[in-house]
Structure formats: structure tokens, C-alpha cells
PDB file of N, CA and C in Angstrom:
ATOM      1  N   MET A   1      60.721 138.063 129.161  1.00  0.00           N
ATOM      2  CA  MET A   1      61.855 138.971 129.182  1.00  0.00           C
ATOM      3  C   MET A   1      62.719 138.736 127.947  1.00  0.00           C
ATOM      4  N   LYS A   2      63.055 139.808 127.290  1.00  0.00           N
ATOM      5  CA  LYS A   2      63.876 139.732 126.085  1.00  0.00           C
ATOM      6  C   LYS A   2      65.333 139.517 126.472  1.00  0.00           C
ATOM      7  N   ARG A   3      65.997 138.643 125.748  1.00  0.00           N
ATOM      8  CA  ARG A   3      67.428 138.413 125.963  1.00  0.00           C
ATOM      9  C   ARG A   3      68.136 138.748 124.651  1.00  0.00           C
ATOM     10  N   TRP A   4      69.019 139.719 124.691  1.00  0.00           N
ATOM     11  CA  TRP A   4      69.746 140.131 123.486  1.00  0.00           C
ATOM     12  C   TRP A   4      70.532 138.965 122.906  1.00  0.00           C
ATOM     13  N   LEU A   5      70.665 138.973 121.595  1.00  0.00           N
ATOM     14  CA  LEU A   5      71.535 138.045 120.882  1.00  0.00           C
ATOM     15  C   LEU A   5      72.713 138.853 120.358  1.00  0.00           C
ATOM     16  N   TYR A   6      73.870 138.189 120.213  1.00  0.00           N
ATOM     17  CA  TYR A   6      75.059 138.864 119.711  1.00  0.00           C
ATOM     18  C   TYR A   6      75.686 138.016 118.619  1.00  0.00           C
ATOM     19  N   HIS A   7      76.023 138.675 117.521  1.00  0.00           N
ATOM     20  CA  HIS A   7      76.699 138.014 116.403  1.00  0.00           C
ATOM     21  C   HIS A   7      78.043 138.698 116.212  1.00  0.00           C
ATOM     22  N   ILE A   8      79.092 137.912 116.151  1.00  0.00           N
ATOM     23  CA  ILE A   8      80.453 138.438 115.982  1.00  0.00           C
ATOM     24  C   ILE A   8      80.819 138.329 114.505  1.00  0.00           C
ATOM     25  N   THR A   9      81.384 139.395 113.977  1.00  0.00           N
ATOM     26  CA  THR A   9      81.769 139.404 112.568  1.00  0.00           C
ATOM     27  C   THR A   9      83.031 140.244 112.396  1.00  0.00           C
ATOM     28  N   PRO A  10      83.851 139.933 111.396  1.00  0.00           N
ATOM     29  CA  PRO A  10      85.060 140.740 111.181  1.00  0.00           C
ATOM     30  C   PRO A  10      84.723 142.210 110.941  1.00  0.00           C
ATOM     31  N   ALA A  11      85.589 143.080 111.435  1.00  0.00           N
ATOM     32  CA  ALA A  11      85.441 144.519 111.211  1.00  0.00           C
ATOM     33  C   ALA A  11      86.060 144.858 109.860  1.00  0.00           C
ATOM     34  N   PRO A  12      85.671 145.925 109.242  1.00  0.00           N
ATOM     35  CA  PRO A  12      84.570 146.779 109.658  1.00  0.00           C
ATOM     36  C   PRO A  12      83.236 146.191 109.208  1.00  0.00           C
ATOM     37  N   PHE A  13      82.199 146.526 109.928  1.00  0.00           N
ATOM     38  CA  PHE A  13      80.848 146.134 109.538  1.00  0.00           C
ATOM     39  C   PHE A  13      80.174 147.362 108.968  1.00  0.00           C
ATOM     40  N   VAL A  14      79.699 147.250 107.747  1.00  0.00           N
ATOM     41  CA  VAL A  14      79.012 148.365 107.107  1.00  0.00           C
ATOM     42  C   VAL A  14      77.521 148.047 107.124  1.00  0.00           C
ATOM     43  N   SER A  15      76.797 148.826 107.898  1.00  0.00           N
ATOM     44  CA  SER A  15      75.361 148.608 108.023  1.00  0.00           C
ATOM     45  C   SER A  15      74.666 148.995 106.717  1.00  0.00           C
ATOM     46  N   THR A  16      73.774 148.146 106.290  1.00  0.00           N
ATOM     47  CA  THR A  16      72.983 148.419 105.088  1.00  0.00           C
ATOM     48  C   THR A  16      71.540 148.032 105.378  1.00  0.00           C
ATOM     49  N   ALA A  17      70.692 148.262 104.430  1.00  0.00           N
ATOM     50  CA  ALA A  17      69.302 147.845 104.570  1.00  0.00           C
ATOM     51  C   ALA A  17      69.143 146.362 104.249  1.00  0.00           C
ATOM     52  N   ALA A  18      70.188 145.766 103.709  1.00  0.00           N
ATOM     53  CA  ALA A  18      70.125 144.349 103.341  1.00  0.00           C
ATOM     54  C   ALA A  18      70.211 143.472 104.584  1.00  0.00           C
ATOM     55  N   PRO A  19      69.534 142.342 104.583  1.00  0.00           N
ATOM     56  CA  PRO A  19      69.648 141.414 105.715  1.00  0.00           C
ATOM     57  C   PRO A  19      71.059 140.837 105.822  1.00  0.00           C
ATOM     58  N   LEU A  20      71.463 140.538 107.037  1.00  0.00           N
ATOM     59  CA  LEU A  20      72.753 139.913 107.304  1.00  0.00           C
ATOM     60  C   LEU A  20      72.621 138.421 107.051  1.00  0.00           C
ATOM     61  N   ALA A  21      73.410 137.922 106.117  1.00  0.00           N
ATOM     62  CA  ALA A  21      73.392 136.496 105.768  1.00  0.00           C
ATOM     63  C   ALA A  21      74.835 136.008 105.651  1.00  0.00           C
ATOM     64  N   PRO A  22      75.484 135.731 106.772  1.00  0.00           N
ATOM     65  CA  PRO A  22      76.879 135.281 106.732  1.00  0.00           C
ATOM     66  C   PRO A  22      76.995 133.903 106.090  1.00  0.00           C
ATOM     67  N   PRO A  23      78.204 133.493 105.734  1.00  0.00           N
ATOM     68  CA  PRO A  23      78.395 132.196 105.076  1.00  0.00           C
ATOM     69  C   PRO A  23      77.782 131.021 105.836  1.00  0.00           C
ATOM     70  N   SER A  24      77.739 131.084 107.161  1.00  0.00           N
ATOM     71  CA  SER A  24      77.169 129.958 107.930  1.00  0.00           C
ATOM     72  C   SER A  24      75.701 129.718 107.603  1.00  0.00           C
ATOM     73  N   LEU A  25      74.999 130.747 107.172  1.00  0.00           N
ATOM     74  CA  LEU A  25      73.590 130.563 106.816  1.00  0.00           C
ATOM     75  C   LEU A  25      73.465 129.620 105.622  1.00  0.00           C
ATOM     76  N   ALA A  26      74.339 129.768 104.650  1.00  0.00           N
ATOM     77  CA  ALA A  26      74.313 128.900 103.469  1.00  0.00           C
ATOM     78  C   ALA A  26      74.877 127.517 103.761  1.00  0.00           C
ATOM     79  N   THR A  27      75.927 127.448 104.573  1.00  0.00           N
ATOM     80  CA  THR A  27      76.596 126.162 104.796  1.00  0.00           C
ATOM     81  C   THR A  27      75.999 125.339 105.927  1.00  0.00           C
ATOM     82  N   GLU A  28      75.488 126.007 106.962  1.00  0.00           N
ATOM     83  CA  GLU A  28      74.960 125.290 108.127  1.00  0.00           C
ATOM     84  C   GLU A  28      73.464 125.501 108.337  1.00  0.00           C
ATOM     85  N   GLY A  29      72.903 126.491 107.658  1.00  0.00           N
ATOM     86  CA  GLY A  29      71.469 126.737 107.764  1.00  0.00           C
ATOM     87  C   GLY A  29      71.076 127.721 108.847  1.00  0.00           C
ATOM     88  N   TYR A  30      72.047 128.334 109.497  1.00  0.00           N
ATOM     89  CA  TYR A  30      71.707 129.298 110.544  1.00  0.00           C
ATOM     90  C   TYR A  30      72.839 130.309 110.741  1.00  0.00           C
ATOM     91  N   VAL A  31      72.490 131.381 111.458  1.00  0.00           N
ATOM     92  CA  VAL A  31      73.445 132.421 111.833  1.00  0.00           C
ATOM     93  C   VAL A  31      73.838 132.153 113.283  1.00  0.00           C
ATOM     94  N   HIS A  32      75.134 132.009 113.522  1.00  0.00           N
ATOM     95  CA  HIS A  32      75.636 131.785 114.882  1.00  0.00           C
ATOM     96  C   HIS A  32      75.469 133.049 115.712  1.00  0.00           C
ATOM     97  N   CYS A  33      74.974 132.888 116.915  1.00  0.00           N
ATOM     98  CA  CYS A  33      74.887 133.992 117.858  1.00  0.00           C
ATOM     99  C   CYS A  33      75.341 133.504 119.227  1.00  0.00           C
ATOM    100  N   SER A  34      75.525 134.446 120.124  1.00  0.00           N
ATOM    101  CA  SER A  34      75.898 134.151 121.507  1.00  0.00           C
ATOM    102  C   SER A  34      75.029 134.995 122.417  1.00  0.00           C
ATOM    103  N   TYR A  35      74.996 134.608 123.684  1.00  0.00           N
ATOM    104  CA  TYR A  35      74.451 135.471 124.724  1.00  0.00           C
ATOM    105  C   TYR A  35      75.626 136.258 125.299  1.00  0.00           C
ATOM    106  N   ALA A  36      75.346 137.355 125.962  1.00  0.00           N
ATOM    107  CA  ALA A  36      76.383 138.273 126.447  1.00  0.00           C
ATOM    108  C   ALA A  36      77.525 137.594 127.203  1.00  0.00           C
ATOM    109  N   PRO A  37      77.250 136.678 128.131  1.00  0.00           N
ATOM    110  CA  PRO A  37      78.368 136.119 128.901  1.00  0.00           C
ATOM    111  C   PRO A  37      79.403 135.346 128.083  1.00  0.00           C
ATOM    112  N   LEU A  38      79.038 134.887 126.881  1.00  0.00           N
ATOM    113  CA  LEU A  38      79.979 134.087 126.092  1.00  0.00           C
ATOM    114  C   LEU A  38      80.546 134.807 124.874  1.00  0.00           C
ATOM    115  N   VAL A  39      80.229 136.087 124.713  1.00  0.00           N
ATOM    116  CA  VAL A  39      80.709 136.824 123.535  1.00  0.00           C
ATOM    117  C   VAL A  39      82.235 136.873 123.493  1.00  0.00           C
ATOM    118  N   ARG A  40      82.859 137.270 124.572  1.00  0.00           N
ATOM    119  CA  ARG A  40      84.319 137.397 124.565  1.00  0.00           C
ATOM    120  C   ARG A  40      84.988 136.039 124.340  1.00  0.00           C
ATOM    121  N   GLU A  41      84.452 134.999 124.956  1.00  0.00           N
ATOM    122  CA  GLU A  41      84.999 133.653 124.761  1.00  0.00           C
ATOM    123  C   GLU A  41      84.836 133.201 123.307  1.00  0.00           C
ATOM    124  N   SER A  42      83.677 133.463 122.720  1.00  0.00           N
ATOM    125  CA  SER A  42      83.447 133.101 121.312  1.00  0.00           C
ATOM    126  C   SER A  42      84.406 133.851 120.394  1.00  0.00           C
ATOM    127  N   ALA A  43      84.606 135.127 120.670  1.00  0.00           N
ATOM    128  CA  ALA A  43      85.529 135.924 119.850  1.00  0.00           C
ATOM    129  C   ALA A  43      86.939 135.366 119.935  1.00  0.00           C
ATOM    130  N   ALA A  44      87.375 135.013 121.141  1.00  0.00           N
ATOM    131  CA  ALA A  44      88.728 134.473 121.318  1.00  0.00           C
ATOM    132  C   ALA A  44      88.873 133.108 120.650  1.00  0.00           C
ATOM    133  N   LEU A  45      87.829 132.306 120.716  1.00  0.00           N
ATOM    134  CA  LEU A  45      87.879 130.954 120.165  1.00  0.00           C
ATOM    135  C   LEU A  45      87.836 130.932 118.637  1.00  0.00           C
ATOM    136  N   TYR A  46      86.974 131.747 118.048  1.00  0.00           N
ATOM    137  CA  TYR A  46      86.751 131.674 116.602  1.00  0.00           C
ATOM    138  C   TYR A  46      87.363 132.812 115.797  1.00  0.00           C
ATOM    139  N   PHE A  47      87.789 133.880 116.470  1.00  0.00           N
ATOM    140  CA  PHE A  47      88.313 135.043 115.751  1.00  0.00           C
ATOM    141  C   PHE A  47      89.626 135.537 116.351  1.00  0.00           C
ATOM    142  N   ALA A  48      90.429 134.644 116.889  1.00  0.00           N
ATOM    143  CA  ALA A  48      91.699 135.042 117.503  1.00  0.00           C
ATOM    144  C   ALA A  48      92.556 135.819 116.500  1.00  0.00           C
ATOM    145  N   GLY A  49      93.028 136.970 116.913  1.00  0.00           N
ATOM    146  CA  GLY A  49      93.898 137.774 116.063  1.00  0.00           C
ATOM    147  C   GLY A  49      93.182 138.556 114.976  1.00  0.00           C
ATOM    148  N   VAL A  50      91.852 138.507 114.955  1.00  0.00           N
ATOM    149  CA  VAL A  50      91.066 139.209 113.936  1.00  0.00           C
ATOM    150  C   VAL A  50      90.343 140.374 114.598  1.00  0.00           C
ATOM    151  N   ASP A  51      90.353 141.525 113.955  1.00  0.00           N
ATOM    152  CA  ASP A  51      89.595 142.673 114.440  1.00  0.00           C
ATOM    153  C   ASP A  51      88.125 142.395 114.165  1.00  0.00           C
ATOM    154  N   VAL A  52      87.311 142.366 115.208  1.00  0.00           N
ATOM    155  CA  VAL A  52      85.895 142.039 115.047  1.00  0.00           C
ATOM    156  C   VAL A  52      85.008 143.120 115.647  1.00  0.00           C
ATOM    157  N   VAL A  53      83.741 143.060 115.263  1.00  0.00           N
ATOM    158  CA  VAL A  53      82.705 143.859 115.898  1.00  0.00           C
ATOM    159  C   VAL A  53      81.642 142.896 116.403  1.00  0.00           C
ATOM    160  N   VAL A  54      80.875 143.379 117.358  1.00  0.00           N
ATOM    161  CA  VAL A  54      79.813 142.596 117.964  1.00  0.00           C
ATOM    162  C   VAL A  54      78.492 143.264 117.622  1.00  0.00           C
ATOM    163  N   LEU A  55      77.644 142.538 116.912  1.00  0.00           N
ATOM    164  CA  LEU A  55      76.340 143.074 116.531  1.00  0.00           C
ATOM    165  C   LEU A  55      75.326 142.672 117.592  1.00  0.00           C
ATOM    166  N   GLN A  56      74.667 143.657 118.171  1.00  0.00           N
ATOM    167  CA  GLN A  56      73.621 143.392 119.160  1.00  0.00           C
ATOM    168  C   GLN A  56      72.303 143.267 118.404  1.00  0.00           C
ATOM    169  N   VAL A  57      71.655 142.123 118.569  1.00  0.00           N
ATOM    170  CA  VAL A  57      70.457 141.793 117.802  1.00  0.00           C
ATOM    171  C   VAL A  57      69.247 141.709 118.734  1.00  0.00           C
ATOM    172  N   ASP A  58      68.198 142.405 118.349  1.00  0.00           N
ATOM    173  CA  ASP A  58      66.940 142.360 119.088  1.00  0.00           C
ATOM    174  C   ASP A  58      66.119 141.181 118.563  1.00  0.00           C
ATOM    175  N   PRO A  59      65.950 140.136 119.364  1.00  0.00           N
ATOM    176  CA  PRO A  59      65.247 138.954 118.864  1.00  0.00           C
ATOM    177  C   PRO A  59      63.779 139.210 118.535  1.00  0.00           C
ATOM    178  N   THR A  60      63.182 140.251 119.109  1.00  0.00           N
ATOM    179  CA  THR A  60      61.778 140.536 118.819  1.00  0.00           C
ATOM    180  C   THR A  60      61.598 141.148 117.432  1.00  0.00           C
ATOM    181  N   ARG A  61      62.683 141.548 116.811  1.00  0.00           N
ATOM    182  CA  ARG A  61      62.617 142.132 115.466  1.00  0.00           C
ATOM    183  C   ARG A  61      62.990 141.139 114.367  1.00  0.00           C
ATOM    184  N   LEU A  62      63.177 139.895 114.718  1.00  0.00           N
ATOM    185  CA  LEU A  62      63.534 138.869 113.736  1.00  0.00           C
ATOM    186  C   LEU A  62      62.297 138.130 113.265  1.00  0.00           C
ATOM    187  N   SER A  63      62.240 137.852 111.980  1.00  0.00           N
ATOM    188  CA  SER A  63      61.156 137.015 111.473  1.00  0.00           C
ATOM    189  C   SER A  63      61.575 135.554 111.432  1.00  0.00           C
ATOM    190  N   ALA A  64      62.872 135.296 111.461  1.00  0.00           N
ATOM    191  CA  ALA A  64      63.392 133.923 111.410  1.00  0.00           C
ATOM    192  C   ALA A  64      63.246 133.247 112.768  1.00  0.00           C
ATOM    193  N   GLU A  65      63.190 131.932 112.732  1.00  0.00           N
ATOM    194  CA  GLU A  65      63.119 131.143 113.956  1.00  0.00           C
ATOM    195  C   GLU A  65      64.448 131.217 114.705  1.00  0.00           C
ATOM    196  N   ILE A  66      64.357 131.305 116.020  1.00  0.00           N
ATOM    197  CA  ILE A  66      65.537 131.273 116.886  1.00  0.00           C
ATOM    198  C   ILE A  66      65.441 129.996 117.702  1.00  0.00           C
ATOM    199  N   ARG A  67      66.506 129.219 117.668  1.00  0.00           N
ATOM    200  CA  ARG A  67      66.554 128.003 118.483  1.00  0.00           C
ATOM    201  C   ARG A  67      67.772 128.065 119.382  1.00  0.00           C
ATOM    202  N   GLU A  68      67.553 127.797 120.643  1.00  0.00           N
ATOM    203  CA  GLU A  68      68.662 127.684 121.576  1.00  0.00           C
ATOM    204  C   GLU A  68      69.092 126.223 121.558  1.00  0.00           C
ATOM    205  N   GLU A  69      70.352 125.990 121.206  1.00  0.00           N
ATOM    206  CA  GLU A  69      70.832 124.623 121.067  1.00  0.00           C
ATOM    207  C   GLU A  69      72.029 124.380 121.976  1.00  0.00           C
ATOM    208  N   ALA A  70      72.117 123.164 122.445  1.00  0.00           N
ATOM    209  CA  ALA A  70      73.221 122.770 123.321  1.00  0.00           C
ATOM    210  C   ALA A  70      74.525 122.739 122.537  1.00  0.00           C
ATOM    211  N   THR A  71      75.569 123.278 123.133  1.00  0.00           N
ATOM    212  CA  THR A  71      76.907 123.219 122.566  1.00  0.00           C
ATOM    213  C   THR A  71      77.850 122.828 123.706  1.00  0.00           C
ATOM    214  N   PRO A  72      79.081 122.460 123.394  1.00  0.00           N
ATOM    215  CA  PRO A  72      80.030 122.131 124.469  1.00  0.00           C
ATOM    216  C   PRO A  72      80.244 123.281 125.464  1.00  0.00           C
ATOM    217  N   ARG A  73      79.980 124.514 125.026  1.00  0.00           N
ATOM    218  CA  ARG A  73      80.170 125.676 125.911  1.00  0.00           C
ATOM    219  C   ARG A  73      78.868 126.150 126.544  1.00  0.00           C
ATOM    220  N   GLY A  74      77.806 125.403 126.376  1.00  0.00           N
ATOM    221  CA  GLY A  74      76.518 125.796 126.938  1.00  0.00           C
ATOM    222  C   GLY A  74      75.540 126.162 125.838  1.00  0.00           C
ATOM    223  N   PRO A  75      74.330 126.545 126.208  1.00  0.00           N
ATOM    224  CA  PRO A  75      73.308 126.864 125.211  1.00  0.00           C
ATOM    225  C   PRO A  75      73.674 128.099 124.395  1.00  0.00           C
ATOM    226  N   MET A  76      73.476 127.972 123.080  1.00  0.00           N
ATOM    227  CA  MET A  76      73.746 129.087 122.171  1.00  0.00           C
ATOM    228  C   MET A  76      72.530 129.298 121.271  1.00  0.00           C
ATOM    229  N   PRO A  77      72.201 130.564 120.995  1.00  0.00           N
ATOM    230  CA  PRO A  77      71.092 130.848 120.099  1.00  0.00           C
ATOM    231  C   PRO A  77      71.535 130.794 118.640  1.00  0.00           C
ATOM    232  N   HIS A  78      70.730 130.136 117.817  1.00  0.00           N
ATOM    233  CA  HIS A  78      70.965 130.080 116.376  1.00  0.00           C
ATOM    234  C   HIS A  78      69.756 130.681 115.682  1.00  0.00           C
ATOM    235  N   VAL A  79      70.003 131.535 114.703  1.00  0.00           N
ATOM    236  CA  VAL A  79      68.935 132.187 113.945  1.00  0.00           C
ATOM    237  C   VAL A  79      68.835 131.468 112.602  1.00  0.00           C
ATOM    238  N   PHE A  80      67.698 130.852 112.354  1.00  0.00           N
ATOM    239  CA  PHE A  80      67.507 130.043 111.152  1.00  0.00           C
ATOM    240  C   PHE A  80      66.930 130.877 110.010  1.00  0.00           C
ATOM    241  N   GLY A  81      67.697 131.870 109.620  1.00  0.00           N
ATOM    242  CA  GLY A  81      67.351 132.772 108.530  1.00  0.00           C
ATOM    243  C   GLY A  81      68.218 134.004 108.644  1.00  0.00           C
ATOM    244  N   ALA A  82      68.102 134.872 107.669  1.00  0.00           N
ATOM    245  CA  ALA A  82      68.889 136.103 107.677  1.00  0.00           C
ATOM    246  C   ALA A  82      68.434 137.016 108.819  1.00  0.00           C
ATOM    247  N   VAL A  83      69.349 137.838 109.281  1.00  0.00           N
ATOM    248  CA  VAL A  83      69.051 138.815 110.327  1.00  0.00           C
ATOM    249  C   VAL A  83      68.697 140.124 109.634  1.00  0.00           C
ATOM    250  N   GLU A  84      67.449 140.532 109.764  1.00  0.00           N
ATOM    251  CA  GLU A  84      67.013 141.776 109.121  1.00  0.00           C
ATOM    252  C   GLU A  84      67.748 142.969 109.727  1.00  0.00           C
ATOM    253  N   ALA A  85      68.062 143.941 108.891  1.00  0.00           N
ATOM    254  CA  ALA A  85      68.819 145.115 109.329  1.00  0.00           C
ATOM    255  C   ALA A  85      68.189 145.814 110.537  1.00  0.00           C
ATOM    256  N   PRO A  86      66.862 145.999 110.606  1.00  0.00           N
ATOM    257  CA  PRO A  86      66.294 146.678 111.781  1.00  0.00           C
ATOM    258  C   PRO A  86      66.487 145.918 113.101  1.00  0.00           C
ATOM    259  N   ALA A  87      66.814 144.640 113.026  1.00  0.00           N
ATOM    260  CA  ALA A  87      67.050 143.855 114.245  1.00  0.00           C
ATOM    261  C   ALA A  87      68.432 144.129 114.838  1.00  0.00           C
ATOM    262  N   ILE A  88      69.335 144.681 114.039  1.00  0.00           N
ATOM    263  CA  ILE A  88      70.687 145.018 114.529  1.00  0.00           C
ATOM    264  C   ILE A  88      70.584 146.396 115.168  1.00  0.00           C
ATOM    265  N   VAL A  89      70.553 146.409 116.496  1.00  0.00           N
ATOM    266  CA  VAL A  89      70.290 147.653 117.211  1.00  0.00           C
ATOM    267  C   VAL A  89      71.549 148.397 117.641  1.00  0.00           C
ATOM    268  N   ARG A  90      72.682 147.698 117.629  1.00  0.00           N
ATOM    269  CA  ARG A  90      73.935 148.361 117.986  1.00  0.00           C
ATOM    270  C   ARG A  90      75.107 147.567 117.443  1.00  0.00           C
ATOM    271  N   VAL A  91      76.153 148.287 117.078  1.00  0.00           N
ATOM    272  CA  VAL A  91      77.406 147.669 116.646  1.00  0.00           C
ATOM    273  C   VAL A  91      78.474 148.107 117.640  1.00  0.00           C
ATOM    274  N   TRP A  92      79.077 147.131 118.315  1.00  0.00           N
ATOM    275  CA  TRP A  92      80.103 147.374 119.317  1.00  0.00           C
ATOM    276  C   TRP A  92      81.460 146.943 118.772  1.00  0.00           C
ATOM    277  N   THR A  93      82.514 147.631 119.151  1.00  0.00           N
ATOM    278  CA  THR A  93      83.832 147.030 118.996  1.00  0.00           C
ATOM    279  C   THR A  93      83.934 146.011 120.127  1.00  0.00           C
ATOM    280  N   LEU A  94      84.822 145.065 120.008  1.00  0.00           N
ATOM    281  CA  LEU A  94      84.973 144.079 121.074  1.00  0.00           C
ATOM    282  C   LEU A  94      85.436 144.762 122.368  1.00  0.00           C
ATOM    283  N   ALA A  95      86.293 145.769 122.245  1.00  0.00           N
ATOM    284  CA  ALA A  95      86.760 146.506 123.426  1.00  0.00           C
ATOM    285  C   ALA A  95      85.602 147.237 124.103  1.00  0.00           C
ATOM    286  N   GLU A  96      84.743 147.884 123.328  1.00  0.00           N
ATOM    287  CA  GLU A  96      83.573 148.566 123.910  1.00  0.00           C
ATOM    288  C   GLU A  96      82.670 147.571 124.624  1.00  0.00           C
ATOM    289  N   PHE A  97      82.411 146.452 123.972  1.00  0.00           N
ATOM    290  CA  PHE A  97      81.535 145.443 124.552  1.00  0.00           C
ATOM    291  C   PHE A  97      82.133 144.906 125.850  1.00  0.00           C
ATOM    292  N   SER A  98      83.430 144.643 125.832  1.00  0.00           N
ATOM    293  CA  SER A  98      84.098 144.090 127.015  1.00  0.00           C
ATOM    294  C   SER A  98      84.085 145.057 128.189  1.00  0.00           C
ATOM    295  N   ALA A  99      84.099 146.348 127.917  1.00  0.00           N
ATOM    296  CA  ALA A  99      84.116 147.357 128.966  1.00  0.00           C
ATOM    297  C   ALA A  99      82.720 147.739 129.461  1.00  0.00           C
ATOM    298  N   ALA A 100      81.687 147.361 128.720  1.00  0.00           N
ATOM    299  CA  ALA A 100      80.313 147.763 129.060  1.00  0.00           C
ATOM    300  C   ALA A 100      79.746 146.863 130.152  1.00  0.00           C
ATOM    301  N   PRO A 101      78.769 147.413 130.881  1.00  0.00           N
ATOM    302  CA  PRO A 101      78.062 146.563 131.832  1.00  0.00           C
ATOM    303  C   PRO A 101      77.347 145.434 131.085  1.00  0.00           C
ATOM    304  N   ASP A 102      76.974 144.417 131.796  1.00  0.00           N
ATOM    305  CA  ASP A 102      76.280 143.278 131.200  1.00  0.00           C
ATOM    306  C   ASP A 102      75.095 143.750 130.359  1.00  0.00           C
ATOM    307  N   GLN A 103      74.998 143.252 129.131  1.00  0.00           N
ATOM    308  CA  GLN A 103      73.962 143.685 128.189  1.00  0.00           C
ATOM    309  C   GLN A 103      72.815 142.694 128.050  1.00  0.00           C
ATOM    310  N   ARG A 104      72.689 141.765 128.966  1.00  0.00           N
ATOM    311  CA  ARG A 104      71.636 140.750 128.834  1.00  0.00           C
ATOM    312  C   ARG A 104      70.311 141.369 128.760  1.00  0.00           C
TER     313      ARG A 104
END
């Protein structure tokens, strides 16, 4: 069963054909992601007061390795490479995501 990944990034997000490679990829070696139940908590913790969007990522469309790693808040998925544009299947505002049914 596929489990969606979510990456939070400051708004606005301009979709391009280029892969998504946020600064964490260069500094930590991976792209931070969350599962649906922790998206709002992650946004509040790391992006308080910042207008953000939530990128819904299809893990079956990624060529990079995905590792689920233990964190103080529970298991989190990390993508060890850039996120190819076709893997980003939807861009949500945080309000849209919060109002939507569970996206797992």
C-alpha cells in the first residue's frame, strides 16, 4: 500500500520541471518529509508564522531512496535525493490540507 509523503515549503511554490532540492538536501543529505498525521504539527514547529504550502509526493515516482527514520515525534520519511517534479502530485495550502479528509 502506498503512503503519501508530504514536504512543507514556504509559499508560494512555483512548480517547474526541475527537481525539488531544498537546502536540507545539501546540508543534511536528504529532503525532510512527513506523513499526513504530522503535517500540521511539523508546520507549526518549523514554520510558525510563515505562509507555507504542502507538497503531496507520490513515493512510487521517486528514484531516490526513502528511509523512514526515528525522530522524537515518531517515524518520519526522508528522501535521500531530489524530488522529481512528476512525483509532486498536488500542492495544498496548509488551510486546504487541514480541512481535507485524511490523505494517507
